[in-house]
Amino acid sequence: MASTGASPAAWTAAEPVPPPQPLPDVDSEPFWAAAKEGRLALCRCRDCRTWLQPPLERCRHCGGETGFETASGTGEIYSYIVIRHPSVPAFAHLLPYVVALVDLAEGVRLPGRLVGIKPAEVRIGQRVMAEFETLPGAVAPAVVFRVV
C-alpha cells in the first residue's frame, strides 16, 4: 500500500484515508494499465482464445501464451454481499455498499463494487456494465459495476 506519510491515527476528515492500492505484477500490469485508460482488459489465450481470470502467463487449458484484450465489460450479478460495517476505512463513507461477483460475457467472474443502486434493490441475475472509479487518494481506478 502506498504511504501517505501520516499514521492511521493522524488521518482526519481533512485527510481522508486512502483506499487499498493495487500492487501490479507482471501478470496484472496490463489490467491496471488498461484501467487507467478506462478500458476493461482481461487475460486471453492466444491459441485457444479462452478468457482467463485471474491472469496467467500460460493457458490452463492448452498451455498457450496469453495476452490482454479489451473485454465487453457486460455481465450479470452471480452473487453479492452488502457491506454494512466499516472494515475498509476508505469506504466507510459509502456504507452500506454492495460488492458483487459478476459473470462477465467473456465467461469469467470478476468482483467489484456496485454503484448507482441501493442495496435493497440488488438482485442475482441483474445485468451490469463495468465502469471505472478513482477514489480520493487512489493511484489507479478500480472496476465498479452499474446495473443497466
N, C-alpha and C. Protein backbone atom coordinates (compact mmCIF):
# COMPACT_ATOMS: atom_id res chain seq x y z
N MET A 1 0.84 -1.16 0.00
CA MET A 1 0.00 0.00 0.00
C MET A 1 0.89 1.23 0.00
N ALA A 2 0.50 2.22 -0.76
CA ALA A 2 1.26 3.46 -0.82
C ALA A 2 1.12 4.21 0.49
N SER A 3 2.16 4.84 0.92
CA SER A 3 2.14 5.58 2.17
C SER A 3 1.75 7.02 1.92
N THR A 4 0.93 7.56 2.81
CA THR A 4 0.55 8.97 2.70
C THR A 4 1.42 9.84 3.57
N GLY A 5 2.31 9.23 4.36
CA GLY A 5 3.17 10.00 5.23
C GLY A 5 2.58 10.20 6.62
N ALA A 6 1.30 9.92 6.80
CA ALA A 6 0.67 10.08 8.10
C ALA A 6 0.29 8.71 8.65
N SER A 7 0.33 8.60 9.95
CA SER A 7 -0.09 7.34 10.58
C SER A 7 -1.60 7.26 10.56
N PRO A 8 -2.18 6.04 10.64
CA PRO A 8 -3.63 5.90 10.65
C PRO A 8 -4.30 6.74 11.73
N ALA A 9 -3.67 6.90 12.89
CA ALA A 9 -4.25 7.69 13.96
C ALA A 9 -4.31 9.17 13.60
N ALA A 10 -3.49 9.59 12.66
CA ALA A 10 -3.44 11.00 12.29
C ALA A 10 -4.40 11.37 11.17
N TRP A 11 -5.04 10.38 10.53
CA TRP A 11 -5.96 10.70 9.45
C TRP A 11 -7.18 11.42 10.01
N THR A 12 -7.58 12.46 9.33
CA THR A 12 -8.75 13.23 9.75
C THR A 12 -9.65 13.42 8.56
N ALA A 13 -10.76 14.13 8.79
CA ALA A 13 -11.68 14.42 7.69
C ALA A 13 -10.98 15.25 6.62
N ALA A 14 -9.99 16.07 7.03
CA ALA A 14 -9.26 16.88 6.06
C ALA A 14 -8.33 16.02 5.22
N GLU A 15 -7.91 14.90 5.76
CA GLU A 15 -7.03 13.98 5.05
C GLU A 15 -7.69 12.60 5.06
N PRO A 16 -8.49 12.31 4.02
CA PRO A 16 -9.22 11.04 4.01
C PRO A 16 -8.27 9.84 3.94
N VAL A 17 -8.75 8.75 4.48
CA VAL A 17 -7.99 7.50 4.44
C VAL A 17 -7.92 7.05 2.99
N PRO A 18 -6.71 6.77 2.47
CA PRO A 18 -6.62 6.32 1.08
C PRO A 18 -7.16 4.89 0.95
N PRO A 19 -7.74 4.59 -0.20
CA PRO A 19 -8.24 3.22 -0.41
C PRO A 19 -7.07 2.25 -0.60
N PRO A 20 -7.34 0.95 -0.46
CA PRO A 20 -6.29 -0.03 -0.75
C PRO A 20 -5.77 0.19 -2.17
N GLN A 21 -4.47 0.05 -2.33
CA GLN A 21 -3.84 0.31 -3.62
C GLN A 21 -3.46 -1.01 -4.29
N PRO A 22 -3.60 -1.06 -5.62
CA PRO A 22 -3.17 -2.28 -6.32
C PRO A 22 -1.65 -2.41 -6.26
N LEU A 23 -1.20 -3.64 -6.30
CA LEU A 23 0.23 -3.92 -6.38
C LEU A 23 0.45 -4.71 -7.67
N PRO A 24 0.47 -4.00 -8.81
CA PRO A 24 0.61 -4.70 -10.09
C PRO A 24 1.88 -5.54 -10.14
N ASP A 25 1.74 -6.70 -10.77
CA ASP A 25 2.89 -7.55 -11.02
C ASP A 25 2.91 -7.85 -12.51
N VAL A 26 3.82 -8.70 -12.94
CA VAL A 26 3.97 -8.97 -14.37
C VAL A 26 2.67 -9.52 -14.98
N ASP A 27 1.89 -10.26 -14.18
CA ASP A 27 0.66 -10.83 -14.70
C ASP A 27 -0.50 -9.84 -14.73
N SER A 28 -0.53 -8.87 -13.82
CA SER A 28 -1.68 -7.97 -13.74
C SER A 28 -1.43 -6.56 -14.27
N GLU A 29 -0.20 -6.20 -14.57
CA GLU A 29 0.11 -4.85 -15.05
C GLU A 29 -0.74 -4.43 -16.25
N PRO A 30 -0.95 -5.29 -17.26
CA PRO A 30 -1.79 -4.85 -18.39
C PRO A 30 -3.24 -4.52 -17.99
N PHE A 31 -3.76 -5.22 -16.98
CA PHE A 31 -5.10 -4.92 -16.48
C PHE A 31 -5.15 -3.50 -15.93
N TRP A 32 -4.17 -3.15 -15.08
CA TRP A 32 -4.15 -1.83 -14.46
C TRP A 32 -3.84 -0.73 -15.46
N ALA A 33 -3.00 -1.02 -16.44
CA ALA A 33 -2.71 -0.03 -17.48
C ALA A 33 -3.97 0.27 -18.29
N ALA A 34 -4.73 -0.75 -18.63
CA ALA A 34 -5.99 -0.56 -19.38
C ALA A 34 -6.99 0.20 -18.52
N ALA A 35 -7.06 -0.10 -17.22
CA ALA A 35 -7.99 0.59 -16.32
C ALA A 35 -7.70 2.09 -16.31
N LYS A 36 -6.42 2.46 -16.33
CA LYS A 36 -6.07 3.88 -16.36
C LYS A 36 -6.55 4.55 -17.64
N GLU A 37 -6.76 3.75 -18.70
CA GLU A 37 -7.28 4.27 -19.97
C GLU A 37 -8.80 4.17 -20.04
N GLY A 38 -9.43 3.62 -18.98
CA GLY A 38 -10.87 3.46 -18.96
C GLY A 38 -11.36 2.24 -19.71
N ARG A 39 -10.47 1.24 -19.88
CA ARG A 39 -10.84 0.00 -20.58
C ARG A 39 -10.73 -1.17 -19.63
N LEU A 40 -11.63 -2.13 -19.80
CA LEU A 40 -11.52 -3.39 -19.08
C LEU A 40 -10.78 -4.36 -19.98
N ALA A 41 -9.61 -4.76 -19.57
CA ALA A 41 -8.81 -5.72 -20.35
C ALA A 41 -8.61 -6.97 -19.49
N LEU A 42 -8.82 -8.12 -20.12
CA LEU A 42 -8.68 -9.39 -19.43
C LEU A 42 -7.68 -10.27 -20.17
N CYS A 43 -7.13 -11.21 -19.44
CA CYS A 43 -6.17 -12.15 -19.99
C CYS A 43 -6.88 -13.15 -20.90
N ARG A 44 -6.27 -13.44 -22.05
CA ARG A 44 -6.86 -14.38 -23.01
C ARG A 44 -5.75 -15.19 -23.67
N CYS A 45 -6.02 -16.48 -23.86
CA CYS A 45 -5.07 -17.35 -24.54
C CYS A 45 -4.99 -16.98 -26.01
N ARG A 46 -3.80 -16.86 -26.52
CA ARG A 46 -3.61 -16.51 -27.94
C ARG A 46 -3.86 -17.70 -28.86
N ASP A 47 -3.82 -18.91 -28.30
CA ASP A 47 -4.02 -20.11 -29.12
C ASP A 47 -5.48 -20.56 -29.11
N CYS A 48 -6.00 -20.95 -27.94
CA CYS A 48 -7.37 -21.49 -27.89
C CYS A 48 -8.42 -20.41 -27.65
N ARG A 49 -8.00 -19.17 -27.40
CA ARG A 49 -8.87 -18.00 -27.25
C ARG A 49 -9.72 -18.01 -25.99
N THR A 50 -9.35 -18.82 -25.00
CA THR A 50 -10.07 -18.87 -23.73
C THR A 50 -9.71 -17.65 -22.89
N TRP A 51 -10.74 -17.00 -22.32
CA TRP A 51 -10.51 -15.90 -21.38
C TRP A 51 -10.08 -16.50 -20.05
N LEU A 52 -9.12 -15.88 -19.38
CA LEU A 52 -8.56 -16.41 -18.13
C LEU A 52 -8.61 -15.36 -17.03
N GLN A 53 -9.18 -15.73 -15.91
CA GLN A 53 -9.20 -14.86 -14.74
C GLN A 53 -9.01 -15.75 -13.53
N PRO A 54 -7.99 -15.55 -12.72
CA PRO A 54 -7.00 -14.49 -12.78
C PRO A 54 -6.05 -14.67 -13.96
N PRO A 55 -5.34 -13.60 -14.30
CA PRO A 55 -4.42 -13.69 -15.43
C PRO A 55 -3.29 -14.69 -15.17
N LEU A 56 -2.91 -15.36 -16.23
CA LEU A 56 -1.84 -16.37 -16.16
C LEU A 56 -0.87 -16.16 -17.30
N GLU A 57 0.37 -16.58 -17.10
CA GLU A 57 1.39 -16.50 -18.14
C GLU A 57 1.12 -17.50 -19.25
N ARG A 58 0.57 -18.65 -18.87
CA ARG A 58 0.25 -19.72 -19.82
C ARG A 58 -1.18 -20.16 -19.60
N CYS A 59 -1.85 -20.56 -20.65
CA CYS A 59 -3.24 -21.00 -20.59
C CYS A 59 -3.36 -22.29 -19.78
N ARG A 60 -4.31 -22.34 -18.89
CA ARG A 60 -4.52 -23.54 -18.07
C ARG A 60 -5.18 -24.65 -18.88
N HIS A 61 -5.70 -24.33 -20.08
CA HIS A 61 -6.37 -25.32 -20.91
C HIS A 61 -5.44 -25.96 -21.95
N CYS A 62 -4.66 -25.12 -22.63
CA CYS A 62 -3.83 -25.65 -23.71
C CYS A 62 -2.34 -25.37 -23.55
N GLY A 63 -1.98 -24.55 -22.57
CA GLY A 63 -0.57 -24.22 -22.35
C GLY A 63 -0.06 -23.11 -23.25
N GLY A 64 -0.96 -22.51 -24.04
CA GLY A 64 -0.56 -21.45 -24.96
C GLY A 64 -0.20 -20.15 -24.26
N GLU A 65 0.48 -19.28 -25.02
CA GLU A 65 0.83 -17.96 -24.50
C GLU A 65 -0.44 -17.13 -24.33
N THR A 66 -0.37 -16.19 -23.39
CA THR A 66 -1.52 -15.34 -23.14
C THR A 66 -1.17 -13.88 -23.37
N GLY A 67 -2.21 -13.07 -23.47
CA GLY A 67 -2.07 -11.63 -23.60
C GLY A 67 -3.36 -10.99 -23.11
N PHE A 68 -3.38 -9.69 -23.08
CA PHE A 68 -4.58 -8.99 -22.62
C PHE A 68 -5.32 -8.39 -23.81
N GLU A 69 -6.65 -8.50 -23.74
CA GLU A 69 -7.52 -7.94 -24.77
C GLU A 69 -8.66 -7.19 -24.10
N THR A 70 -9.18 -6.20 -24.79
CA THR A 70 -10.31 -5.45 -24.27
C THR A 70 -11.53 -6.36 -24.20
N ALA A 71 -12.20 -6.34 -23.05
CA ALA A 71 -13.40 -7.13 -22.82
C ALA A 71 -14.62 -6.22 -22.91
N SER A 72 -15.78 -6.82 -23.06
CA SER A 72 -17.02 -6.06 -23.21
C SER A 72 -17.39 -5.30 -21.94
N GLY A 73 -17.10 -5.88 -20.78
CA GLY A 73 -17.49 -5.26 -19.53
C GLY A 73 -18.93 -5.52 -19.14
N THR A 74 -19.65 -6.27 -19.95
CA THR A 74 -21.04 -6.57 -19.64
C THR A 74 -21.14 -7.92 -18.94
N GLY A 75 -22.14 -8.05 -18.11
CA GLY A 75 -22.33 -9.31 -17.42
C GLY A 75 -23.57 -9.28 -16.55
N GLU A 76 -23.65 -10.26 -15.65
CA GLU A 76 -24.77 -10.29 -14.72
C GLU A 76 -24.29 -10.69 -13.34
N ILE A 77 -25.02 -10.24 -12.35
CA ILE A 77 -24.65 -10.50 -10.96
C ILE A 77 -24.83 -11.98 -10.66
N TYR A 78 -23.76 -12.62 -10.25
CA TYR A 78 -23.77 -14.02 -9.86
C TYR A 78 -24.05 -14.14 -8.36
N SER A 79 -23.43 -13.26 -7.58
CA SER A 79 -23.60 -13.25 -6.14
C SER A 79 -23.23 -11.86 -5.65
N TYR A 80 -23.62 -11.55 -4.42
CA TYR A 80 -23.24 -10.25 -3.87
C TYR A 80 -23.32 -10.29 -2.35
N ILE A 81 -22.71 -9.28 -1.74
CA ILE A 81 -22.76 -9.11 -0.30
C ILE A 81 -22.94 -7.63 -0.03
N VAL A 82 -23.75 -7.33 0.97
CA VAL A 82 -23.94 -5.95 1.40
C VAL A 82 -22.99 -5.69 2.56
N ILE A 83 -22.15 -4.70 2.41
CA ILE A 83 -21.19 -4.31 3.44
C ILE A 83 -21.83 -3.22 4.29
N ARG A 84 -21.97 -3.50 5.58
CA ARG A 84 -22.64 -2.57 6.49
C ARG A 84 -21.72 -2.04 7.59
N HIS A 85 -20.54 -2.63 7.73
CA HIS A 85 -19.59 -2.23 8.77
C HIS A 85 -18.31 -1.73 8.10
N PRO A 86 -17.68 -0.70 8.64
CA PRO A 86 -16.51 -0.08 8.01
C PRO A 86 -15.22 -0.88 8.17
N SER A 87 -15.18 -2.06 7.57
CA SER A 87 -13.97 -2.87 7.67
C SER A 87 -12.83 -2.32 6.80
N VAL A 88 -13.18 -1.55 5.77
CA VAL A 88 -12.19 -0.86 4.95
C VAL A 88 -12.40 0.63 5.18
N PRO A 89 -11.54 1.28 5.98
CA PRO A 89 -11.78 2.68 6.36
C PRO A 89 -12.04 3.63 5.19
N ALA A 90 -11.39 3.43 4.06
CA ALA A 90 -11.57 4.33 2.92
C ALA A 90 -12.97 4.26 2.33
N PHE A 91 -13.70 3.18 2.63
CA PHE A 91 -15.05 3.03 2.09
C PHE A 91 -16.13 3.32 3.12
N ALA A 92 -15.74 3.74 4.33
CA ALA A 92 -16.70 3.96 5.40
C ALA A 92 -17.79 4.96 5.00
N HIS A 93 -17.42 5.98 4.23
CA HIS A 93 -18.41 7.00 3.83
C HIS A 93 -19.42 6.46 2.81
N LEU A 94 -19.19 5.26 2.27
CA LEU A 94 -20.08 4.67 1.27
C LEU A 94 -21.11 3.72 1.89
N LEU A 95 -20.98 3.41 3.17
CA LEU A 95 -21.85 2.43 3.81
C LEU A 95 -23.32 2.81 3.72
N PRO A 96 -24.20 1.82 3.56
CA PRO A 96 -23.89 0.45 3.15
C PRO A 96 -23.60 0.42 1.65
N TYR A 97 -22.74 -0.51 1.23
CA TYR A 97 -22.47 -0.66 -0.19
C TYR A 97 -22.45 -2.14 -0.54
N VAL A 98 -22.49 -2.42 -1.85
CA VAL A 98 -22.59 -3.80 -2.32
C VAL A 98 -21.34 -4.16 -3.10
N VAL A 99 -20.77 -5.32 -2.80
CA VAL A 99 -19.70 -5.90 -3.60
C VAL A 99 -20.31 -7.12 -4.29
N ALA A 100 -20.22 -7.13 -5.62
CA ALA A 100 -20.83 -8.20 -6.40
C ALA A 100 -19.76 -9.04 -7.08
N LEU A 101 -20.10 -10.29 -7.30
CA LEU A 101 -19.30 -11.18 -8.13
C LEU A 101 -20.07 -11.28 -9.44
N VAL A 102 -19.45 -10.83 -10.53
CA VAL A 102 -20.13 -10.69 -11.80
C VAL A 102 -19.64 -11.74 -12.80
N ASP A 103 -20.62 -12.43 -13.41
CA ASP A 103 -20.33 -13.33 -14.53
C ASP A 103 -20.25 -12.44 -15.77
N LEU A 104 -19.04 -12.26 -16.30
CA LEU A 104 -18.87 -11.43 -17.49
C LEU A 104 -19.25 -12.23 -18.74
N ALA A 105 -19.59 -11.50 -19.79
CA ALA A 105 -19.96 -12.13 -21.07
C ALA A 105 -18.83 -13.01 -21.59
N GLU A 106 -17.61 -12.73 -21.19
CA GLU A 106 -16.44 -13.49 -21.64
C GLU A 106 -16.31 -14.84 -20.94
N GLY A 107 -17.16 -15.11 -19.94
CA GLY A 107 -17.14 -16.40 -19.27
C GLY A 107 -16.26 -16.47 -18.04
N VAL A 108 -15.84 -15.34 -17.53
CA VAL A 108 -15.05 -15.30 -16.29
C VAL A 108 -15.81 -14.46 -15.26
N ARG A 109 -15.45 -14.63 -14.00
CA ARG A 109 -16.08 -13.87 -12.92
C ARG A 109 -15.10 -12.82 -12.41
N LEU A 110 -15.66 -11.64 -12.12
CA LEU A 110 -14.86 -10.54 -11.62
C LEU A 110 -15.63 -9.85 -10.50
N PRO A 111 -14.97 -9.59 -9.37
CA PRO A 111 -15.64 -8.87 -8.29
C PRO A 111 -15.55 -7.37 -8.50
N GLY A 112 -16.50 -6.65 -7.95
CA GLY A 112 -16.46 -5.20 -7.99
C GLY A 112 -17.60 -4.61 -7.19
N ARG A 113 -17.42 -3.37 -6.79
CA ARG A 113 -18.46 -2.67 -6.04
C ARG A 113 -19.55 -2.24 -7.02
N LEU A 114 -20.81 -2.36 -6.59
CA LEU A 114 -21.94 -1.88 -7.38
C LEU A 114 -22.15 -0.41 -7.05
N VAL A 115 -22.41 0.39 -8.08
CA VAL A 115 -22.67 1.82 -7.88
C VAL A 115 -24.02 2.17 -8.50
N GLY A 116 -24.62 3.23 -7.98
CA GLY A 116 -25.86 3.73 -8.54
C GLY A 116 -27.09 2.91 -8.21
N ILE A 117 -27.05 2.10 -7.16
CA ILE A 117 -28.18 1.27 -6.78
C ILE A 117 -28.16 1.08 -5.26
N LYS A 118 -29.36 1.07 -4.68
CA LYS A 118 -29.48 0.83 -3.24
C LYS A 118 -29.34 -0.67 -2.98
N PRO A 119 -28.70 -1.04 -1.88
CA PRO A 119 -28.53 -2.47 -1.58
C PRO A 119 -29.82 -3.28 -1.64
N ALA A 120 -30.93 -2.72 -1.20
CA ALA A 120 -32.20 -3.45 -1.19
C ALA A 120 -32.74 -3.73 -2.60
N GLU A 121 -32.20 -3.03 -3.60
CA GLU A 121 -32.67 -3.20 -4.98
C GLU A 121 -31.84 -4.19 -5.79
N VAL A 122 -30.76 -4.69 -5.22
CA VAL A 122 -29.85 -5.60 -5.93
C VAL A 122 -30.47 -7.00 -5.99
N ARG A 123 -30.36 -7.64 -7.16
CA ARG A 123 -30.87 -8.99 -7.35
C ARG A 123 -29.87 -9.82 -8.15
N ILE A 124 -29.78 -11.10 -7.81
CA ILE A 124 -29.00 -12.04 -8.61
C ILE A 124 -29.56 -12.02 -10.03
N GLY A 125 -28.68 -12.04 -11.02
CA GLY A 125 -29.10 -12.07 -12.41
C GLY A 125 -29.26 -10.71 -13.06
N GLN A 126 -29.18 -9.62 -12.29
CA GLN A 126 -29.29 -8.29 -12.90
C GLN A 126 -28.12 -8.06 -13.85
N ARG A 127 -28.41 -7.43 -14.96
CA ARG A 127 -27.39 -7.10 -15.94
C ARG A 127 -26.61 -5.88 -15.47
N VAL A 128 -25.29 -5.94 -15.65
CA VAL A 128 -24.43 -4.84 -15.23
C VAL A 128 -23.42 -4.51 -16.33
N MET A 129 -22.82 -3.34 -16.18
CA MET A 129 -21.78 -2.87 -17.09
C MET A 129 -20.63 -2.34 -16.24
N ALA A 130 -19.41 -2.69 -16.62
CA ALA A 130 -18.22 -2.24 -15.90
C ALA A 130 -17.97 -0.76 -16.18
N GLU A 131 -17.55 -0.07 -15.14
CA GLU A 131 -17.08 1.31 -15.23
C GLU A 131 -15.82 1.40 -14.38
N PHE A 132 -15.20 2.55 -14.38
CA PHE A 132 -14.00 2.75 -13.57
C PHE A 132 -14.20 3.96 -12.69
N GLU A 133 -13.72 3.83 -11.45
CA GLU A 133 -13.87 4.90 -10.47
C GLU A 133 -12.56 5.05 -9.72
N THR A 134 -12.11 6.28 -9.60
CA THR A 134 -10.90 6.56 -8.84
C THR A 134 -11.30 7.29 -7.57
N LEU A 135 -11.10 6.65 -6.44
CA LEU A 135 -11.43 7.27 -5.16
C LEU A 135 -10.32 8.23 -4.75
N PRO A 136 -10.65 9.24 -3.93
CA PRO A 136 -9.62 10.16 -3.45
C PRO A 136 -8.46 9.40 -2.81
N GLY A 137 -7.25 9.76 -3.20
CA GLY A 137 -6.05 9.12 -2.66
C GLY A 137 -5.62 7.88 -3.41
N ALA A 138 -6.41 7.44 -4.38
CA ALA A 138 -6.06 6.23 -5.14
C ALA A 138 -5.06 6.55 -6.24
N VAL A 139 -4.21 5.56 -6.55
CA VAL A 139 -3.24 5.73 -7.63
C VAL A 139 -3.76 5.12 -8.93
N ALA A 140 -4.83 4.34 -8.84
CA ALA A 140 -5.38 3.69 -10.04
C ALA A 140 -6.89 3.59 -9.88
N PRO A 141 -7.60 3.63 -11.00
CA PRO A 141 -9.05 3.43 -10.91
C PRO A 141 -9.39 1.98 -10.62
N ALA A 142 -10.51 1.78 -9.98
CA ALA A 142 -10.99 0.43 -9.67
C ALA A 142 -12.20 0.12 -10.56
N VAL A 143 -12.37 -1.15 -10.86
CA VAL A 143 -13.56 -1.57 -11.61
C VAL A 143 -14.75 -1.53 -10.65
N VAL A 144 -15.81 -0.88 -11.10
CA VAL A 144 -17.09 -0.90 -10.41
C VAL A 144 -18.13 -1.32 -11.44
N PHE A 145 -19.29 -1.74 -10.98
CA PHE A 145 -20.34 -2.17 -11.89
C PHE A 145 -21.59 -1.35 -11.64
N ARG A 146 -22.31 -1.06 -12.73
CA ARG A 146 -23.56 -0.33 -12.67
C ARG A 146 -24.64 -1.18 -13.33
N VAL A 147 -25.80 -1.30 -12.68
CA VAL A 147 -26.92 -2.04 -13.24
C VAL A 147 -27.42 -1.29 -14.48
N VAL A 148 -27.66 -2.05 -15.56
CA VAL A 148 -28.16 -1.45 -16.81
C VAL A 148 -29.59 -1.88 -17.08
